[in-house]
Amino acid sequence: MKALGLRARLTLFYSVMLAAMLSVFGVLFYHALNLVLERNLTEELRQRTVFLENYLRVQDGSVQLVVDPANREEAYLIHSATRYYQVFRLPGGELLVQSQDLELLGVHLTPDQVRGLAKAEEFTDLQLGRERFRFHNLVIAGSDPTAFLVRVGIPLTPADDARKGFLHSLLFLAPLGVLVAAIMGWQMARRALRPMKELAAAARKIDIEQLQQRLPLRGAGDEVDELAQSFNETLSRLENSVGQMKQFTASISHELRTPLTALRGETEVALLEAHSVEDYQRLLSSQLEEFDKLTHMINDLLVLANAEAGEIRWAEQKVDLSVLAVSLAEQLEPVAASKEIELKTAAEPDIHVCGDASWLERVVLNLLDNAIKFTPKGGHIQISVASENGYAALRVEDTGMGILPEAVPHIFDRFYRAEPSRSKRIPGVGLGLALARWIVEKHRGRIAVESQLKQGTRFTVFLPLYPTDSRAHPSN
C-alpha cells in the first residue's frame, strides 16, 4: 500500500484535530447550554411561585388570589403565572383550584399523590402528552390541621427545542466545518509545500559536475529558507571535498607517474644497450631510491586513509614534550649541519602533554624536516617549547624562503606544494603537513603557520597541558 504524501497527511491531521476539537467543545457547550437553560427555568418558576405567594390569601378553609383589577400589569403577570396552576387541600388531597390549561391536559392527581408531592422535592417534572412540564410545589399553612399544596408549572418544551436545535446545528455544521477546513487545509498545504517542490526540482538539477550551483533563497527568512541555506552549506562542503578529491587524484597521479616514468625509462635504456656490472649496480641503486620514494608516499597515504577511517589507535599517556623536541633536534642536527644550517633549541623544562609519543614525534620530525628542506645554506632553525595559557606551545621557526600568501591557506592540504617549480629538486610529496595537522587535531590541539616571503616561516603547535580541560582553546 502506497504511503500517504506529506500534503495528504497534513490535511488528514488538521481535519482529525479539528473534528476532535469540535466534538469536545460541542459536548462542553451542550453541557453549558443545558445548565443555563435548567437554571433559568428553575429560577423563573421560583419567581412565579414567590410572586403568586404574595397574592394568596387563606379564607374560610380555602385559598384565593387577591388581585387589583385596576392594575393591568399585575393582572397580566398573575394570569401568566397561573396558566399551569393547581391548589390542593391537605391532608385530604382534594383539588380546590385548577387552571383551564391543566384541566384540558387532563391532569388528575390522587390524594396519595398529592400527599406524596407535599413531602417530595421542591421541583418535579411531569410528562403531559407530548410536552414536559416542571412544577414548583409549595405548601402553605392554614388553620391547624389544614394546609394547602400550591403547584405552579412551566412548560419545558422551549428548553428542549433549544437543546435539539443546538444538537441539529452541531451535527450539521461540524461535518461541514471539517469538510471546509479539509479543503482549505489541502490548498494551504499545497501552497506551503510549493517552495519545497521548487527546492526539490532545483536540487535534482545539481549533479557532480554542477556543484557550484546553489538553491535559490526566497528571502522570507522562514524554515524553507533555512533548509535551503543549510543545503547550500552542505553543497559548499561537498564542492570543497570533491575539489580536494580531484586535486588529490591529479596530485597522486602526477607523483606516481614521475618515478614510474623514470623507472621505465631507465629499464628500457638498460635493455637496449649492454652495460657493465657497475652500470647495472648504479641503475639498480637509482631505482631503489625511486622505490623508497614510492614506498614512503604509499605508507603516508595508507596512514592518512586509516586515520580518516578511524582505524588508528594510540596510547593516551603523559609525554614530556620538551625532552621529545630536544632529542629529535639532536638527531637532526647532523642533517642540518650538512647543509650549513644552524639548529637551536629553547625548551622550558617539564612541559607535559597527554598523547602518543610516537605520533607526536612524527609531528616534530615533519616540521623540522620541512624547515631543513626549505632553509638555504647559512640559515637558522629554532625549535622551542613553552607553556602558554594552559597549553603547550611548540614552535619551529626558520629563516628560509617563506610561503606565498595565497598558498598559506592550502599548506596543510594533501599533495599541496607551495613551490611547484622546486618540486623536482626538493624531496617530498606534500603529505607531511596534512598528516601533522591530523595528528595534532586528534590530540585536541591545533597547528598554525605564519610566513613572510624570503624571510622565514614559523609553525606553532598548541597542545593541552597534562592534565587540562579539553574544552579550552589556545590563543593566537
Protein backbone atom coordinates (compact mmCIF):
# COMPACT_ATOMS: atom_id res chain seq x y z
CA MET A 1 0.00 0.00 0.00
CA LYS A 2 1.36 3.35 -1.03
CA ALA A 3 2.07 5.66 1.88
CA LEU A 4 0.21 8.97 2.10
CA GLY A 5 2.10 12.01 0.93
CA LEU A 6 3.04 14.84 3.26
CA ARG A 7 0.27 17.03 1.85
CA ALA A 8 -2.38 14.37 2.47
CA ARG A 9 -1.02 13.60 5.95
CA LEU A 10 -1.07 17.27 6.93
CA THR A 11 -4.64 17.67 5.68
CA LEU A 12 -5.75 14.50 7.45
CA PHE A 13 -4.03 15.55 10.65
CA TYR A 14 -5.64 19.00 10.65
CA SER A 15 -9.06 17.53 9.82
CA VAL A 16 -8.90 14.93 12.58
CA MET A 17 -7.69 17.52 15.08
CA LEU A 18 -10.49 19.92 14.10
CA ALA A 19 -13.10 17.16 14.34
CA ALA A 20 -11.82 16.18 17.77
CA MET A 21 -11.82 19.80 18.96
CA LEU A 22 -15.33 20.41 17.62
CA SER A 23 -16.56 17.24 19.34
CA VAL A 24 -15.02 18.20 22.66
CA PHE A 25 -16.19 21.80 22.51
CA GLY A 26 -19.62 20.68 21.27
CA VAL A 27 -20.08 18.43 24.31
CA LEU A 28 -18.88 21.20 26.62
CA PHE A 29 -21.13 23.82 25.02
CA TYR A 30 -24.13 21.45 25.12
CA HIS A 31 -23.49 20.78 28.78
CA ALA A 32 -23.13 24.52 29.46
CA LEU A 33 -26.32 25.27 27.49
CA ASN A 34 -28.21 22.62 29.44
CA LEU A 35 -27.04 24.08 32.75
CA VAL A 36 -28.04 27.60 31.72
CA LEU A 37 -31.46 26.51 30.50
CA GLU A 38 -32.13 24.46 33.64
CA ARG A 39 -31.04 27.29 35.89
CA ASN A 40 -33.11 29.89 34.02
CA LEU A 41 -36.24 27.68 34.02
CA THR A 42 -35.94 26.86 37.70
CA GLU A 43 -35.31 30.48 38.59
CA GLU A 44 -38.25 31.69 36.52
CA LEU A 45 -40.52 29.08 38.12
CA ARG A 46 -39.34 30.04 41.58
CA GLN A 47 -40.03 33.72 40.86
CA ARG A 48 -43.53 32.91 39.63
CA THR A 49 -44.27 30.93 42.77
CA VAL A 50 -42.94 33.67 45.03
CA PHE A 51 -44.96 36.20 43.08
CA LEU A 52 -48.18 34.22 43.49
CA GLU A 53 -47.48 33.56 47.15
CA ASN A 54 -47.69 37.31 47.78
CA TYR A 55 -51.25 37.35 46.41
CA LEU A 56 -52.58 34.15 48.00
CA ARG A 57 -54.99 34.53 50.92
CA VAL A 58 -56.37 31.72 53.09
CA GLN A 59 -60.02 32.42 53.85
CA ASP A 60 -62.79 30.15 55.11
CA GLY A 61 -60.74 27.00 54.60
CA SER A 62 -59.78 27.85 51.03
CA VAL A 63 -57.03 29.69 49.13
CA GLN A 64 -57.85 32.68 46.97
CA LEU A 65 -55.88 35.08 44.78
CA VAL A 66 -56.38 38.70 45.68
CA VAL A 67 -55.85 40.83 42.57
CA ASP A 68 -56.35 44.52 41.91
CA PRO A 69 -58.36 44.63 38.64
CA ALA A 70 -57.25 48.19 38.02
CA ASN A 71 -53.60 47.15 37.83
CA ARG A 72 -53.37 45.63 34.32
CA GLU A 73 -49.69 44.73 34.59
CA GLU A 74 -50.24 42.90 37.87
CA ALA A 75 -53.27 41.12 36.47
CA TYR A 76 -51.30 40.02 33.39
CA LEU A 77 -48.42 38.66 35.47
CA ILE A 78 -50.81 36.72 37.69
CA HIS A 79 -52.60 35.37 34.64
CA SER A 80 -49.26 34.20 33.14
CA ALA A 81 -48.15 32.63 36.41
CA THR A 82 -51.42 30.75 36.87
CA ARG A 83 -51.62 29.29 33.39
CA TYR A 84 -50.44 25.96 34.80
CA TYR A 85 -51.72 26.19 38.37
CA GLN A 86 -53.24 23.85 40.97
CA VAL A 87 -54.26 24.12 44.63
CA PHE A 88 -54.94 21.07 46.83
CA ARG A 89 -56.17 20.87 50.43
CA LEU A 90 -54.03 18.88 52.83
CA PRO A 91 -54.06 16.37 54.28
CA GLY A 92 -57.13 15.17 52.37
CA GLY A 93 -55.72 15.87 48.93
CA GLU A 94 -58.85 17.43 47.46
CA LEU A 95 -58.42 19.60 44.37
CA LEU A 96 -59.59 23.16 45.09
CA VAL A 97 -58.36 25.17 42.11
CA GLN A 98 -57.00 24.11 38.71
CA SER A 99 -56.16 26.24 35.67
CA GLN A 100 -58.00 25.62 32.44
CA ASP A 101 -54.83 24.53 30.58
CA LEU A 102 -54.08 21.79 33.08
CA GLU A 103 -57.71 20.72 33.01
CA LEU A 104 -57.53 20.42 29.23
CA LEU A 105 -54.35 18.41 29.53
CA GLY A 106 -56.15 16.00 31.82
CA VAL A 107 -54.01 16.32 34.91
CA HIS A 108 -55.57 14.28 37.70
CA LEU A 109 -53.79 13.50 40.95
CA THR A 110 -54.96 11.03 43.58
CA PRO A 111 -54.94 12.04 47.26
CA ASP A 112 -51.93 9.82 47.85
CA GLN A 113 -50.07 11.52 45.02
CA VAL A 114 -50.92 14.93 46.46
CA ARG A 115 -49.68 13.97 49.91
CA GLY A 116 -46.57 12.48 48.31
CA LEU A 117 -45.88 15.71 46.39
CA ALA A 118 -46.26 17.72 49.59
CA LYS A 119 -43.45 15.69 51.11
CA ALA A 120 -41.42 15.31 47.88
CA GLU A 121 -38.80 17.54 46.33
CA GLU A 122 -39.43 21.20 45.72
CA PHE A 123 -39.42 20.75 41.95
CA THR A 124 -40.88 17.85 39.96
CA ASP A 125 -41.06 17.13 36.22
CA LEU A 126 -44.17 15.70 34.57
CA GLN A 127 -44.77 14.38 31.07
CA LEU A 128 -48.16 15.51 29.78
CA GLY A 129 -48.85 14.23 26.31
CA ARG A 130 -46.07 15.42 24.04
CA GLU A 131 -44.91 18.10 26.39
CA ARG A 132 -42.90 18.12 29.56
CA PHE A 133 -43.63 20.41 32.50
CA ARG A 134 -41.79 21.40 35.62
CA PHE A 135 -43.82 22.17 38.74
CA HIS A 136 -42.85 24.05 41.85
CA ASN A 137 -44.56 22.50 44.89
CA LEU A 138 -45.27 24.98 47.70
CA VAL A 139 -47.06 24.10 50.95
CA ILE A 140 -49.00 26.98 52.57
CA ALA A 141 -50.09 26.59 56.16
CA GLY A 142 -53.74 27.22 57.00
CA SER A 143 -55.78 26.62 60.15
CA ASP A 144 -54.50 23.61 62.03
CA PRO A 145 -54.52 20.90 60.78
CA THR A 146 -55.46 22.22 57.33
CA ALA A 147 -52.75 23.17 54.84
CA PHE A 148 -52.65 23.76 51.10
CA LEU A 149 -50.40 22.48 48.32
CA VAL A 150 -49.89 25.07 45.60
CA ARG A 151 -48.40 23.83 42.33
CA VAL A 152 -47.14 26.26 39.70
CA GLY A 153 -45.89 24.81 36.41
CA ILE A 154 -43.93 25.91 33.38
CA PRO A 155 -43.52 24.06 30.05
CA LEU A 156 -40.07 22.64 29.25
CA THR A 157 -40.68 22.46 25.52
CA PRO A 158 -38.80 25.71 24.66
CA ALA A 159 -35.75 24.47 26.53
CA ASP A 160 -35.99 21.07 24.86
CA ASP A 161 -36.37 22.73 21.46
CA ALA A 162 -33.28 24.85 22.18
CA ARG A 163 -31.27 21.73 23.03
CA LYS A 164 -32.47 19.92 19.92
CA GLY A 165 -31.74 22.95 17.77
CA PHE A 166 -28.21 23.16 19.13
CA LEU A 167 -27.60 19.46 18.53
CA HIS A 168 -29.00 19.62 14.99
CA SER A 169 -26.85 22.67 14.23
CA LEU A 170 -23.79 20.99 15.69
CA LEU A 171 -24.34 17.76 13.79
CA PHE A 172 -24.80 19.68 10.55
CA LEU A 173 -22.23 22.43 10.93
CA ALA A 174 -19.43 20.36 12.47
CA PRO A 175 -19.02 17.96 9.48
CA LEU A 176 -19.45 20.89 7.11
CA GLY A 177 -16.77 22.83 9.00
CA VAL A 178 -14.43 19.83 8.93
CA LEU A 179 -15.03 19.44 5.18
CA VAL A 180 -14.38 23.13 4.51
CA ALA A 181 -11.29 23.02 6.74
CA ALA A 182 -10.01 19.93 4.92
CA ILE A 183 -10.42 21.65 1.54
CA MET A 184 -8.73 24.81 2.78
CA GLY A 185 -6.04 22.75 4.52
CA TRP A 186 -5.39 20.87 1.29
CA GLN A 187 -4.94 24.15 -0.56
CA MET A 188 -2.83 25.69 2.19
CA ALA A 189 -0.66 22.57 2.34
CA ARG A 190 -0.19 22.79 -1.42
CA ARG A 191 0.88 26.42 -1.14
CA ALA A 192 3.09 25.71 1.86
CA LEU A 193 4.80 22.77 0.16
CA ARG A 194 5.23 24.53 -3.18
CA PRO A 195 8.60 26.03 -2.15
CA MET A 196 9.71 22.54 -1.09
CA LYS A 197 8.84 21.18 -4.52
CA GLU A 198 10.74 24.03 -6.13
CA LEU A 199 13.75 23.25 -3.94
CA ALA A 200 13.48 19.57 -4.87
CA ALA A 201 13.35 20.45 -8.56
CA ALA A 202 16.36 22.74 -8.21
CA ALA A 203 18.24 20.09 -6.22
CA ARG A 204 17.61 17.45 -8.91
CA LYS A 205 19.37 19.66 -11.44
CA ILE A 206 22.59 19.67 -9.40
CA ASP A 207 25.00 16.85 -10.20
CA ILE A 208 28.68 16.18 -9.60
CA GLU A 209 29.63 18.50 -12.47
CA GLN A 210 27.46 21.39 -11.22
CA LEU A 211 28.27 21.56 -7.53
CA GLN A 212 28.86 25.29 -7.83
CA GLN A 213 25.12 25.84 -8.23
CA ARG A 214 23.06 26.76 -5.18
CA LEU A 215 19.41 26.52 -4.24
CA PRO A 216 17.51 29.81 -4.54
CA LEU A 217 16.59 31.70 -1.37
CA ARG A 218 13.21 33.47 -1.27
CA GLY A 219 14.32 36.00 1.32
CA ALA A 220 11.39 35.18 3.60
CA GLY A 221 13.66 34.06 6.42
CA ASP A 222 11.38 31.11 7.19
CA GLU A 223 12.06 27.39 7.64
CA VAL A 224 12.21 26.85 3.87
CA ASP A 225 14.98 29.43 3.51
CA GLU A 226 16.73 27.89 6.49
CA LEU A 227 16.56 24.48 4.82
CA ALA A 228 17.85 25.90 1.53
CA GLN A 229 20.67 27.69 3.33
CA SER A 230 21.65 24.51 5.16
CA PHE A 231 21.57 22.58 1.88
CA ASN A 232 23.70 25.25 0.22
CA GLU A 233 26.23 24.99 3.04
CA THR A 234 26.27 21.24 2.55
CA LEU A 235 26.81 21.78 -1.18
CA SER A 236 29.71 24.11 -0.39
CA ARG A 237 31.33 21.48 1.81
CA LEU A 238 30.66 18.82 -0.82
CA GLU A 239 32.09 21.04 -3.56
CA ASN A 240 35.17 21.62 -1.44
CA SER A 241 35.52 17.89 -0.72
CA VAL A 242 35.09 16.95 -4.37
CA GLY A 243 37.61 19.62 -5.32
CA GLN A 244 40.06 18.18 -2.83
CA MET A 245 39.40 14.69 -4.20
CA LYS A 246 40.05 15.89 -7.76
CA GLN A 247 43.19 17.66 -6.63
CA PHE A 248 44.18 14.56 -4.68
CA THR A 249 43.64 12.32 -7.72
CA ALA A 250 45.58 14.67 -10.00
CA SER A 251 48.38 15.07 -7.47
CA ILE A 252 48.81 11.40 -6.72
CA SER A 253 48.69 10.61 -10.44
CA HIS A 254 51.45 13.13 -11.04
CA GLU A 255 53.51 11.96 -8.09
CA LEU A 256 53.23 8.33 -9.15
CA ARG A 257 53.77 8.96 -12.84
CA THR A 258 57.09 10.75 -12.40
CA PRO A 259 59.01 7.97 -10.60
CA LEU A 260 57.30 5.26 -12.66
CA THR A 261 58.27 7.03 -15.88
CA ALA A 262 61.82 7.35 -14.65
CA LEU A 263 61.95 3.68 -13.68
CA ARG A 264 60.53 2.61 -17.03
CA GLY A 265 62.93 4.83 -18.97
CA GLU A 266 66.00 3.58 -17.13
CA THR A 267 64.89 -0.01 -17.55
CA GLU A 268 64.29 0.41 -21.31
CA VAL A 269 67.69 2.01 -21.78
CA ALA A 270 69.31 -0.80 -19.83
CA LEU A 271 67.60 -3.40 -22.00
CA LEU A 272 68.59 -1.72 -25.28
CA GLU A 273 72.30 -1.42 -24.52
CA ALA A 274 74.82 -3.66 -22.88
CA HIS A 275 76.30 -2.37 -19.66
CA SER A 276 78.87 -3.42 -17.16
CA VAL A 277 78.08 -4.78 -13.76
CA GLU A 278 78.90 -1.42 -12.21
CA ASP A 279 76.44 0.31 -14.53
CA TYR A 280 73.70 -2.12 -13.56
CA GLN A 281 74.54 -1.61 -9.90
CA ARG A 282 74.23 2.17 -10.28
CA LEU A 283 70.96 1.69 -12.16
CA LEU A 284 69.51 -0.57 -9.50
CA SER A 285 70.69 1.79 -6.77
CA SER A 286 68.94 4.70 -8.51
CA GLN A 287 65.79 2.62 -8.91
CA LEU A 288 65.90 1.66 -5.24
CA GLU A 289 65.79 5.35 -4.36
CA GLU A 290 62.69 5.75 -6.51
CA PHE A 291 61.15 2.69 -4.90
CA ASP A 292 61.87 4.18 -1.48
CA LYS A 293 60.09 7.38 -2.50
CA LEU A 294 57.09 5.41 -3.73
CA THR A 295 57.03 3.29 -0.59
CA HIS A 296 57.23 6.37 1.63
CA MET A 297 54.42 8.08 -0.25
CA ILE A 298 52.22 4.97 -0.21
CA ASN A 299 52.82 4.50 3.51
CA ASP A 300 51.81 8.11 4.18
CA LEU A 301 48.71 7.64 2.07
CA LEU A 302 47.79 4.49 3.98
CA VAL A 303 48.28 6.31 7.27
CA LEU A 304 46.00 9.16 6.16
CA ALA A 305 43.39 6.74 4.82
CA ASN A 306 43.39 4.71 8.04
CA ALA A 307 43.30 7.91 10.06
CA GLU A 308 40.23 9.22 8.23
CA ALA A 309 38.56 5.81 8.60
CA GLY A 310 39.18 5.90 12.36
CA GLU A 311 41.24 2.70 12.31
CA ILE A 312 44.32 4.11 14.06
CA ARG A 313 44.63 3.75 17.81
CA TRP A 314 47.22 5.23 20.12
CA ALA A 315 48.07 5.33 23.78
CA GLU A 316 46.96 8.19 25.99
CA GLN A 317 49.93 8.78 28.24
CA LYS A 318 51.99 11.54 29.79
CA VAL A 319 54.59 12.81 27.31
CA ASP A 320 57.41 15.23 28.11
CA LEU A 321 57.23 17.45 25.02
CA SER A 322 60.39 19.34 25.99
CA VAL A 323 62.52 16.20 26.14
CA LEU A 324 60.96 14.89 22.93
CA ALA A 325 61.69 18.09 20.99
CA VAL A 326 65.29 18.40 22.23
CA SER A 327 66.00 14.72 21.47
CA LEU A 328 64.69 14.96 17.90
CA ALA A 329 66.58 18.21 17.31
CA GLU A 330 69.81 16.50 18.38
CA GLN A 331 69.11 13.64 15.96
CA LEU A 332 68.58 16.01 13.02
CA GLU A 333 71.40 18.36 13.90
CA PRO A 334 73.92 16.47 11.69
CA VAL A 335 71.50 16.73 8.76
CA ALA A 336 71.15 20.47 9.29
CA ALA A 337 74.91 20.86 9.71
CA SER A 338 75.50 19.12 6.39
CA LYS A 339 73.55 21.99 4.76
CA GLU A 340 75.39 24.56 6.89
CA ILE A 341 72.18 25.35 8.82
CA GLU A 342 72.28 26.20 12.50
CA LEU A 343 69.68 24.28 14.53
CA LYS A 344 68.99 25.68 18.01
CA THR A 345 66.65 24.60 20.79
CA ALA A 346 64.92 26.60 23.53
CA ALA A 347 62.68 24.35 25.59
CA GLU A 348 61.24 25.03 29.01
CA PRO A 349 61.61 22.01 31.27
CA ASP A 350 58.72 19.75 32.30
CA ILE A 351 56.22 20.66 29.61
CA HIS A 352 53.96 17.62 29.62
CA VAL A 353 51.07 16.77 27.32
CA CYS A 354 48.68 13.83 27.05
CA GLY A 355 49.03 11.71 23.92
CA ASP A 356 51.04 9.15 22.00
CA ALA A 357 54.78 9.84 21.97
CA SER A 358 55.40 8.11 18.61
CA TRP A 359 52.76 10.18 16.80
CA LEU A 360 53.90 13.43 18.41
CA GLU A 361 57.43 12.55 17.38
CA ARG A 362 56.19 12.31 13.80
CA VAL A 363 54.79 15.84 14.01
CA VAL A 364 58.08 17.29 15.25
CA LEU A 365 60.09 15.37 12.63
CA ASN A 366 57.83 16.59 9.80
CA LEU A 367 58.15 20.21 10.89
CA LEU A 368 61.92 20.01 11.33
CA ASP A 369 62.31 18.15 8.04
CA ASN A 370 60.36 20.84 6.18
CA ALA A 371 62.39 23.59 7.85
CA ILE A 372 65.66 21.94 6.81
CA LYS A 373 64.42 21.38 3.23
CA PHE A 374 63.34 24.98 2.64
CA THR A 375 66.10 26.81 4.50
CA PRO A 376 69.13 27.73 2.37
CA LYS A 377 72.73 27.39 3.45
CA GLY A 378 73.74 29.69 6.26
CA GLY A 379 70.19 29.85 7.62
CA HIS A 380 68.92 29.29 11.13
CA ILE A 381 66.26 27.00 12.58
CA GLN A 382 64.96 27.15 16.12
CA ILE A 383 62.65 24.77 17.90
CA SER A 384 61.12 25.93 21.17
CA VAL A 385 58.68 24.57 23.73
CA ALA A 386 56.84 26.76 26.25
CA SER A 387 53.68 26.90 28.34
CA GLU A 388 51.05 29.44 27.26
CA ASN A 389 47.59 29.88 28.80
CA GLY A 390 47.25 26.26 29.84
CA TYR A 391 48.64 24.93 26.55
CA ALA A 392 51.99 23.62 25.45
CA ALA A 393 53.25 25.68 22.51
CA LEU A 394 55.82 24.01 20.24
CA ARG A 395 57.32 26.34 17.60
CA VAL A 396 59.59 25.57 14.70
CA GLU A 397 60.98 28.76 13.10
CA ASP A 398 63.33 29.03 10.13
CA THR A 399 64.89 31.76 8.03
CA GLY A 400 64.01 30.06 4.79
CA MET A 401 62.35 31.31 1.64
CA GLY A 402 58.88 31.56 3.18
CA ILE A 403 55.49 30.76 1.70
CA LEU A 404 53.44 32.74 -0.79
CA PRO A 405 50.46 34.45 0.93
CA GLU A 406 47.96 32.75 -1.38
CA ALA A 407 49.49 29.37 -0.55
CA VAL A 408 49.23 29.67 3.23
CA PRO A 409 45.53 28.59 3.48
CA HIS A 410 46.34 25.41 1.50
CA ILE A 411 49.62 24.47 3.11
CA PHE A 412 48.01 21.60 5.06
CA ASP A 413 46.19 20.12 2.05
CA ARG A 414 47.37 16.76 0.82
CA PHE A 415 49.88 16.84 -2.06
CA TYR A 416 49.95 20.64 -1.97
CA ARG A 417 53.34 22.07 -2.78
CA ALA A 418 53.80 25.77 -2.04
CA GLU A 419 56.65 25.97 -4.57
CA PRO A 420 55.74 23.71 -7.52
CA SER A 421 58.75 24.92 -9.51
CA ARG A 422 61.10 23.38 -6.96
CA SER A 423 59.25 20.09 -6.56
CA LYS A 424 61.88 18.23 -8.57
CA ARG A 425 64.89 19.36 -6.56
CA ILE A 426 63.26 19.39 -3.10
CA PRO A 427 62.16 15.91 -1.99
CA GLY A 428 58.68 15.26 -0.70
CA VAL A 429 55.17 14.72 -1.98
CA GLY A 430 53.18 17.14 0.19
CA LEU A 431 51.72 14.70 2.70
CA GLY A 432 53.77 15.53 5.80
CA LEU A 433 51.89 18.65 6.89
CA ALA A 434 48.49 17.06 6.21
CA LEU A 435 49.45 14.16 8.44
CA ALA A 436 50.87 16.53 11.07
CA ARG A 437 47.61 18.51 11.24
CA TRP A 438 45.58 15.33 11.62
CA ILE A 439 47.80 14.13 14.49
CA VAL A 440 47.59 17.49 16.28
CA GLU A 441 43.80 17.69 15.93
CA LYS A 442 43.43 14.16 17.26
CA HIS A 443 45.42 15.30 20.30
CA ARG A 444 42.77 18.04 20.84
CA GLY A 445 45.12 20.77 19.67
CA ARG A 446 45.68 22.91 16.61
CA ILE A 447 48.52 23.89 14.33
CA ALA A 448 49.09 27.35 12.83
CA VAL A 449 51.54 28.79 10.31
CA GLU A 450 52.95 32.30 9.89
CA SER A 451 55.23 33.12 6.98
CA GLN A 452 56.84 36.03 5.18
CA LEU A 453 58.22 35.55 1.73
CA LYS A 454 62.04 35.34 1.67
CA GLN A 455 62.20 35.93 5.43
CA GLY A 456 61.10 32.69 7.00
CA THR A 457 58.26 30.57 8.35
CA ARG A 458 57.03 29.70 11.82
CA PHE A 459 54.85 26.68 12.62
CA THR A 460 53.16 26.63 16.04
CA VAL A 461 51.54 23.59 17.58
CA PHE A 462 49.22 24.07 20.57
CA LEU A 463 48.53 21.01 22.70
CA PRO A 464 46.62 20.82 26.01
CA LEU A 465 48.87 20.53 29.04
CA TYR A 466 48.64 17.40 31.17
CA PRO A 467 46.16 17.35 32.86
CA THR A 468 43.91 20.01 31.28
CA ASP A 469 40.37 20.85 30.21
CA SER A 470 39.97 19.68 26.63
CA ARG A 471 37.25 22.30 26.04
CA ALA A 472 39.62 25.24 26.26
CA HIS A 473 41.01 26.91 23.14
CA PRO A 474 44.51 28.18 22.56
CA SER A 475 45.14 31.85 21.99
CA ASN A 476 46.84 33.08 18.84
